[in-house]
Amino acid sequence: MKWVTRSKVKVDRVACPWLIHRFIDGEAEFIFAAADEVLPTAQRENAIPYDVPAVELGHHDGRCSFEAIITKYRLKDPALELLAQIVHGADCKVDFHGRMEAVGLLAIATGFSLMGIPDHEVLKLEFPVYDALYLYCQHKLKGE
Protein backbone atom coordinates (compact mmCIF):
# COMPACT_ATOMS: atom_id res chain seq x y z
CA MET A 1 0.00 0.00 0.00
CA LYS A 2 1.10 3.57 -0.63
CA TRP A 3 0.82 6.31 1.96
CA VAL A 4 1.35 10.04 1.37
CA THR A 5 1.94 13.07 3.57
CA ARG A 6 3.70 16.43 3.57
CA SER A 7 7.43 16.61 3.05
CA LYS A 8 9.92 17.89 5.64
CA VAL A 9 8.87 15.26 8.16
CA LYS A 10 8.94 15.84 11.90
CA VAL A 11 7.39 14.04 14.91
CA ASP A 12 3.95 12.83 13.68
CA ARG A 13 5.10 12.39 10.07
CA VAL A 14 7.88 10.08 11.31
CA ALA A 15 5.87 8.39 14.05
CA CYS A 16 3.03 7.53 11.65
CA PRO A 17 5.22 5.75 9.08
CA TRP A 18 6.91 3.87 11.94
CA LEU A 19 3.50 2.79 13.28
CA ILE A 20 2.23 1.85 9.82
CA HIS A 21 5.37 -0.10 8.93
CA ARG A 22 5.61 -1.95 12.26
CA PHE A 23 1.94 -2.69 12.97
CA ILE A 24 -0.19 -2.26 9.84
CA ASP A 25 1.71 -2.66 6.57
CA GLY A 26 5.26 -3.97 6.62
CA GLU A 27 5.55 -3.36 2.87
CA ALA A 28 4.27 0.22 3.02
CA GLU A 29 5.61 2.73 0.52
CA PHE A 30 5.81 6.30 1.78
CA ILE A 31 5.48 9.30 -0.52
CA PHE A 32 6.26 12.85 0.54
CA ALA A 33 4.82 15.84 -1.30
CA ALA A 34 4.38 19.57 -0.92
CA ALA A 35 1.39 20.36 1.31
CA ASP A 36 -0.80 21.45 -1.60
CA GLU A 37 0.15 18.32 -3.58
CA VAL A 38 -0.68 15.66 -0.97
CA LEU A 39 -4.31 15.10 -1.96
CA PRO A 40 -3.68 15.17 -5.74
CA THR A 41 -0.76 12.78 -5.19
CA ALA A 42 -2.96 10.51 -3.09
CA GLN A 43 -5.53 10.36 -5.87
CA ARG A 44 -2.97 9.86 -8.64
CA GLU A 45 -0.96 7.21 -6.74
CA ASN A 46 -3.96 5.53 -5.07
CA ALA A 47 -2.28 6.33 -1.74
CA ILE A 48 -3.69 6.89 1.73
CA PRO A 49 -3.13 10.48 2.87
CA TYR A 50 -2.19 11.12 6.50
CA ASP A 51 -1.23 14.04 8.73
CA VAL A 52 -2.78 16.69 6.50
CA PRO A 53 -5.92 18.74 7.12
CA ALA A 54 -9.33 17.30 6.23
CA VAL A 55 -8.32 13.62 5.98
CA GLU A 56 -9.41 10.72 8.15
CA LEU A 57 -5.86 10.04 9.41
CA GLY A 58 -5.15 13.61 10.46
CA HIS A 59 -5.59 15.76 13.54
CA HIS A 60 -9.14 15.62 14.95
CA ASP A 61 -10.66 16.63 18.26
CA GLY A 62 -7.27 17.57 19.73
CA ARG A 63 -5.68 14.26 18.77
CA CYS A 64 -2.70 13.82 16.46
CA SER A 65 -2.47 11.62 13.36
CA PHE A 66 -0.61 8.87 15.24
CA GLU A 67 -3.61 8.61 17.55
CA ALA A 68 -6.01 8.62 14.57
CA ILE A 69 -4.15 5.66 13.02
CA ILE A 70 -4.23 3.72 16.29
CA THR A 71 -7.99 4.30 16.50
CA LYS A 72 -8.75 3.51 12.84
CA TYR A 73 -6.79 0.27 12.83
CA ARG A 74 -7.97 -0.72 16.34
CA LEU A 75 -4.47 -1.23 17.69
CA LYS A 76 -4.99 -2.34 21.26
CA ASP A 77 -1.57 -2.25 22.85
CA PRO A 78 -0.95 -0.41 26.13
CA ALA A 79 2.64 0.37 25.09
CA LEU A 80 1.38 1.97 21.86
CA GLU A 81 -1.15 3.97 23.86
CA LEU A 82 1.64 5.28 26.09
CA LEU A 83 3.78 6.01 23.04
CA ALA A 84 0.81 7.88 21.54
CA GLN A 85 0.79 10.18 24.57
CA ILE A 86 4.48 10.90 24.02
CA VAL A 87 4.01 11.53 20.29
CA HIS A 88 0.96 13.69 20.97
CA GLY A 89 2.88 15.80 23.46
CA ALA A 90 5.82 16.26 21.09
CA ASP A 91 3.61 17.00 18.08
CA CYS A 92 0.79 19.07 19.52
CA LYS A 93 2.84 21.09 22.01
CA VAL A 94 -0.33 22.40 23.62
CA ASP A 95 -0.31 19.66 26.20
CA PHE A 96 2.39 17.17 26.95
CA HIS A 97 0.02 14.71 28.68
CA GLY A 98 2.40 15.14 31.60
CA ARG A 99 4.88 13.00 29.66
CA MET A 100 8.42 14.27 30.19
CA GLU A 101 9.49 12.06 27.29
CA ALA A 102 7.53 14.27 24.86
CA VAL A 103 9.99 17.11 25.38
CA GLY A 104 12.90 14.82 24.55
CA LEU A 105 11.16 13.44 21.45
CA LEU A 106 10.46 16.97 20.24
CA ALA A 107 14.15 17.87 20.69
CA ILE A 108 15.24 14.78 18.75
CA ALA A 109 12.74 15.41 15.95
CA THR A 110 13.76 19.06 15.71
CA GLY A 111 17.42 18.08 15.52
CA PHE A 112 16.75 15.64 12.68
CA SER A 113 14.74 18.26 10.79
CA LEU A 114 17.61 20.74 11.14
CA MET A 115 20.00 18.26 9.52
CA GLY A 116 18.40 18.96 6.15
CA ILE A 117 18.43 15.33 5.01
CA PRO A 118 15.80 13.78 2.70
CA ASP A 119 12.57 12.54 4.27
CA HIS A 120 13.19 8.86 3.51
CA GLU A 121 16.60 9.12 5.18
CA VAL A 122 15.00 10.72 8.25
CA LEU A 123 12.65 7.72 8.49
CA LYS A 124 15.56 5.31 8.18
CA LEU A 125 17.49 7.10 10.92
CA GLU A 126 14.57 7.77 13.27
CA PHE A 127 12.76 4.41 13.14
CA PRO A 128 15.25 3.00 15.70
CA VAL A 129 14.34 5.92 17.99
CA TYR A 130 10.70 4.84 17.87
CA ASP A 131 11.67 1.19 18.29
CA ALA A 132 13.56 2.20 21.43
CA LEU A 133 10.67 4.35 22.71
CA TYR A 134 8.24 1.49 22.14
CA LEU A 135 10.46 -0.88 24.16
CA TYR A 136 10.79 1.83 26.82
CA CYS A 137 6.97 2.06 26.99
CA GLN A 138 6.66 -1.71 27.37
CA HIS A 139 9.31 -1.64 30.12
CA LYS A 140 7.64 1.31 31.86
CA LEU A 141 4.27 -0.45 31.90
CA LYS A 142 5.80 -3.52 33.52
CA GLY A 143 6.89 -1.25 36.35
CA GLU A 144 10.56 -2.00 35.81
C-alpha atoms as a PDB file:
ATOM      1  CA  MET A   1       0.000   0.000   0.000  1.00  0.00           C
ATOM      2  CA  LYS A   2       1.103   3.574  -0.630  1.00  0.00           C
ATOM      3  CA  TRP A   3       0.822   6.311   1.964  1.00  0.00           C
ATOM      4  CA  VAL A   4       1.350  10.041   1.366  1.00  0.00           C
ATOM      5  CA  THR A   5       1.941  13.072   3.568  1.00  0.00           C
ATOM      6  CA  ARG A   6       3.696  16.426   3.573  1.00  0.00           C
ATOM      7  CA  SER A   7       7.426  16.609   3.049  1.00  0.00           C
ATOM      8  CA  LYS A   8       9.918  17.887   5.641  1.00  0.00           C
ATOM      9  CA  VAL A   9       8.871  15.257   8.164  1.00  0.00           C
ATOM     10  CA  LYS A  10       8.940  15.842  11.899  1.00  0.00           C
ATOM     11  CA  VAL A  11       7.386  14.045  14.912  1.00  0.00           C
ATOM     12  CA  ASP A  12       3.947  12.835  13.683  1.00  0.00           C
ATOM     13  CA  ARG A  13       5.105  12.392  10.073  1.00  0.00           C
ATOM     14  CA  VAL A  14       7.882  10.085  11.312  1.00  0.00           C
ATOM     15  CA  ALA A  15       5.869   8.388  14.052  1.00  0.00           C
ATOM     16  CA  CYS A  16       3.027   7.532  11.652  1.00  0.00           C
ATOM     17  CA  PRO A  17       5.222   5.751   9.081  1.00  0.00           C
ATOM     18  CA  TRP A  18       6.910   3.873  11.940  1.00  0.00           C
ATOM     19  CA  LEU A  19       3.504   2.789  13.275  1.00  0.00           C
ATOM     20  CA  ILE A  20       2.231   1.852   9.818  1.00  0.00           C
ATOM     21  CA  HIS A  21       5.367  -0.099   8.934  1.00  0.00           C
ATOM     22  CA  ARG A  22       5.613  -1.951  12.261  1.00  0.00           C
ATOM     23  CA  PHE A  23       1.944  -2.689  12.972  1.00  0.00           C
ATOM     24  CA  ILE A  24      -0.189  -2.263   9.837  1.00  0.00           C
ATOM     25  CA  ASP A  25       1.705  -2.662   6.573  1.00  0.00           C
ATOM     26  CA  GLY A  26       5.256  -3.975   6.624  1.00  0.00           C
ATOM     27  CA  GLU A  27       5.548  -3.359   2.869  1.00  0.00           C
ATOM     28  CA  ALA A  28       4.266   0.225   3.020  1.00  0.00           C
ATOM     29  CA  GLU A  29       5.608   2.730   0.520  1.00  0.00           C
ATOM     30  CA  PHE A  30       5.805   6.304   1.783  1.00  0.00           C
ATOM     31  CA  ILE A  31       5.478   9.299  -0.521  1.00  0.00           C
ATOM     32  CA  PHE A  32       6.265  12.854   0.540  1.00  0.00           C
ATOM     33  CA  ALA A  33       4.820  15.840  -1.297  1.00  0.00           C
ATOM     34  CA  ALA A  34       4.380  19.574  -0.922  1.00  0.00           C
ATOM     35  CA  ALA A  35       1.390  20.355   1.307  1.00  0.00           C
ATOM     36  CA  ASP A  36      -0.800  21.447  -1.604  1.00  0.00           C
ATOM     37  CA  GLU A  37       0.150  18.317  -3.577  1.00  0.00           C
ATOM     38  CA  VAL A  38      -0.678  15.663  -0.973  1.00  0.00           C
ATOM     39  CA  LEU A  39      -4.307  15.102  -1.961  1.00  0.00           C
ATOM     40  CA  PRO A  40      -3.682  15.171  -5.738  1.00  0.00           C
ATOM     41  CA  THR A  41      -0.758  12.779  -5.185  1.00  0.00           C
ATOM     42  CA  ALA A  42      -2.963  10.505  -3.085  1.00  0.00           C
ATOM     43  CA  GLN A  43      -5.531  10.356  -5.866  1.00  0.00           C
ATOM     44  CA  ARG A  44      -2.969   9.863  -8.641  1.00  0.00           C
ATOM     45  CA  GLU A  45      -0.962   7.214  -6.737  1.00  0.00           C
ATOM     46  CA  ASN A  46      -3.962   5.533  -5.069  1.00  0.00           C
ATOM     47  CA  ALA A  47      -2.279   6.331  -1.741  1.00  0.00           C
ATOM     48  CA  ILE A  48      -3.693   6.888   1.725  1.00  0.00           C
ATOM     49  CA  PRO A  49      -3.131  10.483   2.874  1.00  0.00           C
ATOM     50  CA  TYR A  50      -2.192  11.120   6.500  1.00  0.00           C
ATOM     51  CA  ASP A  51      -1.231  14.041   8.726  1.00  0.00           C
ATOM     52  CA  VAL A  52      -2.785  16.691   6.502  1.00  0.00           C
ATOM     53  CA  PRO A  53      -5.921  18.741   7.125  1.00  0.00           C
ATOM     54  CA  ALA A  54      -9.326  17.299   6.226  1.00  0.00           C
ATOM     55  CA  VAL A  55      -8.315  13.621   5.981  1.00  0.00           C
ATOM     56  CA  GLU A  56      -9.405  10.720   8.155  1.00  0.00           C
ATOM     57  CA  LEU A  57      -5.863  10.040   9.408  1.00  0.00           C
ATOM     58  CA  GLY A  58      -5.153  13.609  10.459  1.00  0.00           C
ATOM     59  CA  HIS A  59      -5.591  15.757  13.543  1.00  0.00           C
ATOM     60  CA  HIS A  60      -9.141  15.623  14.947  1.00  0.00           C
ATOM     61  CA  ASP A  61     -10.658  16.627  18.261  1.00  0.00           C
ATOM     62  CA  GLY A  62      -7.274  17.574  19.729  1.00  0.00           C
ATOM     63  CA  ARG A  63      -5.681  14.259  18.768  1.00  0.00           C
ATOM     64  CA  CYS A  64      -2.696  13.820  16.461  1.00  0.00           C
ATOM     65  CA  SER A  65      -2.469  11.624  13.359  1.00  0.00           C
ATOM     66  CA  PHE A  66      -0.608   8.873  15.235  1.00  0.00           C
ATOM     67  CA  GLU A  67      -3.612   8.606  17.553  1.00  0.00           C
ATOM     68  CA  ALA A  68      -6.006   8.620  14.573  1.00  0.00           C
ATOM     69  CA  ILE A  69      -4.154   5.665  13.023  1.00  0.00           C
ATOM     70  CA  ILE A  70      -4.229   3.721  16.288  1.00  0.00           C
ATOM     71  CA  THR A  71      -7.994   4.301  16.500  1.00  0.00           C
ATOM     72  CA  LYS A  72      -8.754   3.513  12.844  1.00  0.00           C
ATOM     73  CA  TYR A  73      -6.788   0.267  12.834  1.00  0.00           C
ATOM     74  CA  ARG A  74      -7.969  -0.721  16.339  1.00  0.00           C
ATOM     75  CA  LEU A  75      -4.470  -1.234  17.686  1.00  0.00           C
ATOM     76  CA  LYS A  76      -4.993  -2.337  21.261  1.00  0.00           C
ATOM     77  CA  ASP A  77      -1.568  -2.248  22.849  1.00  0.00           C
ATOM     78  CA  PRO A  78      -0.951  -0.413  26.126  1.00  0.00           C
ATOM     79  CA  ALA A  79       2.642   0.370  25.089  1.00  0.00           C
ATOM     80  CA  LEU A  80       1.383   1.974  21.859  1.00  0.00           C
ATOM     81  CA  GLU A  81      -1.147   3.965  23.860  1.00  0.00           C
ATOM     82  CA  LEU A  82       1.638   5.283  26.089  1.00  0.00           C
ATOM     83  CA  LEU A  83       3.783   6.014  23.037  1.00  0.00           C
ATOM     84  CA  ALA A  84       0.809   7.877  21.542  1.00  0.00           C
ATOM     85  CA  GLN A  85       0.786  10.184  24.573  1.00  0.00           C
ATOM     86  CA  ILE A  86       4.479  10.905  24.024  1.00  0.00           C
ATOM     87  CA  VAL A  87       4.013  11.530  20.285  1.00  0.00           C
ATOM     88  CA  HIS A  88       0.958  13.695  20.975  1.00  0.00           C
ATOM     89  CA  GLY A  89       2.877  15.797  23.457  1.00  0.00           C
ATOM     90  CA  ALA A  90       5.819  16.261  21.095  1.00  0.00           C
ATOM     91  CA  ASP A  91       3.614  16.998  18.076  1.00  0.00           C
ATOM     92  CA  CYS A  92       0.789  19.069  19.518  1.00  0.00           C
ATOM     93  CA  LYS A  93       2.835  21.088  22.014  1.00  0.00           C
ATOM     94  CA  VAL A  94      -0.335  22.396  23.621  1.00  0.00           C
ATOM     95  CA  ASP A  95      -0.308  19.664  26.195  1.00  0.00           C
ATOM     96  CA  PHE A  96       2.389  17.173  26.949  1.00  0.00           C
ATOM     97  CA  HIS A  97       0.018  14.713  28.685  1.00  0.00           C
ATOM     98  CA  GLY A  98       2.398  15.144  31.603  1.00  0.00           C
ATOM     99  CA  ARG A  99       4.883  13.004  29.664  1.00  0.00           C
ATOM    100  CA  MET A 100       8.415  14.269  30.189  1.00  0.00           C
ATOM    101  CA  GLU A 101       9.494  12.057  27.286  1.00  0.00           C
ATOM    102  CA  ALA A 102       7.535  14.275  24.864  1.00  0.00           C
ATOM    103  CA  VAL A 103       9.991  17.114  25.384  1.00  0.00           C
ATOM    104  CA  GLY A 104      12.903  14.821  24.551  1.00  0.00           C
ATOM    105  CA  LEU A 105      11.162  13.438  21.454  1.00  0.00           C
ATOM    106  CA  LEU A 106      10.461  16.968  20.244  1.00  0.00           C
ATOM    107  CA  ALA A 107      14.145  17.869  20.694  1.00  0.00           C
ATOM    108  CA  ILE A 108      15.244  14.780  18.747  1.00  0.00           C
ATOM    109  CA  ALA A 109      12.739  15.410  15.945  1.00  0.00           C
ATOM    110  CA  THR A 110      13.755  19.057  15.712  1.00  0.00           C
ATOM    111  CA  GLY A 111      17.416  18.080  15.520  1.00  0.00           C
ATOM    112  CA  PHE A 112      16.754  15.644  12.683  1.00  0.00           C
ATOM    113  CA  SER A 113      14.737  18.264  10.795  1.00  0.00           C
ATOM    114  CA  LEU A 114      17.609  20.738  11.137  1.00  0.00           C
ATOM    115  CA  MET A 115      20.001  18.262   9.522  1.00  0.00           C
ATOM    116  CA  GLY A 116      18.402  18.959   6.150  1.00  0.00           C
ATOM    117  CA  ILE A 117      18.426  15.335   5.007  1.00  0.00           C
ATOM    118  CA  PRO A 118      15.803  13.782   2.696  1.00  0.00           C
ATOM    119  CA  ASP A 119      12.575  12.542   4.270  1.00  0.00           C
ATOM    120  CA  HIS A 120      13.186   8.860   3.514  1.00  0.00           C
ATOM    121  CA  GLU A 121      16.599   9.122   5.178  1.00  0.00           C
ATOM    122  CA  VAL A 122      14.998  10.716   8.245  1.00  0.00           C
ATOM    123  CA  LEU A 123      12.652   7.722   8.491  1.00  0.00           C
ATOM    124  CA  LYS A 124      15.555   5.310   8.183  1.00  0.00           C
ATOM    125  CA  LEU A 125      17.493   7.101  10.921  1.00  0.00           C
ATOM    126  CA  GLU A 126      14.574   7.767  13.271  1.00  0.00           C
ATOM    127  CA  PHE A 127      12.762   4.409  13.141  1.00  0.00           C
ATOM    128  CA  PRO A 128      15.245   2.998  15.699  1.00  0.00           C
ATOM    129  CA  VAL A 129      14.343   5.917  17.991  1.00  0.00           C
ATOM    130  CA  TYR A 130      10.702   4.836  17.866  1.00  0.00           C
ATOM    131  CA  ASP A 131      11.673   1.186  18.289  1.00  0.00           C
ATOM    132  CA  ALA A 132      13.556   2.204  21.429  1.00  0.00           C
ATOM    133  CA  LEU A 133      10.667   4.348  22.708  1.00  0.00           C
ATOM    134  CA  TYR A 134       8.239   1.492  22.141  1.00  0.00           C
ATOM    135  CA  LEU A 135      10.460  -0.876  24.161  1.00  0.00           C
ATOM    136  CA  TYR A 136      10.790   1.835  26.818  1.00  0.00           C
ATOM    137  CA  CYS A 137       6.972   2.063  26.991  1.00  0.00           C
ATOM    138  CA  GLN A 138       6.662  -1.706  27.373  1.00  0.00           C
ATOM    139  CA  HIS A 139       9.306  -1.645  30.116  1.00  0.00           C
ATOM    140  CA  LYS A 140       7.637   1.307  31.865  1.00  0.00           C
ATOM    141  CA  LEU A 141       4.267  -0.449  31.899  1.00  0.00           C
ATOM    142  CA  LYS A 142       5.802  -3.521  33.521  1.00  0.00           C
ATOM    143  CA  GLY A 143       6.895  -1.248  36.346  1.00  0.00           C
ATOM    144  CA  GLU A 144      10.563  -1.998  35.806  1.00  0.00           C
END
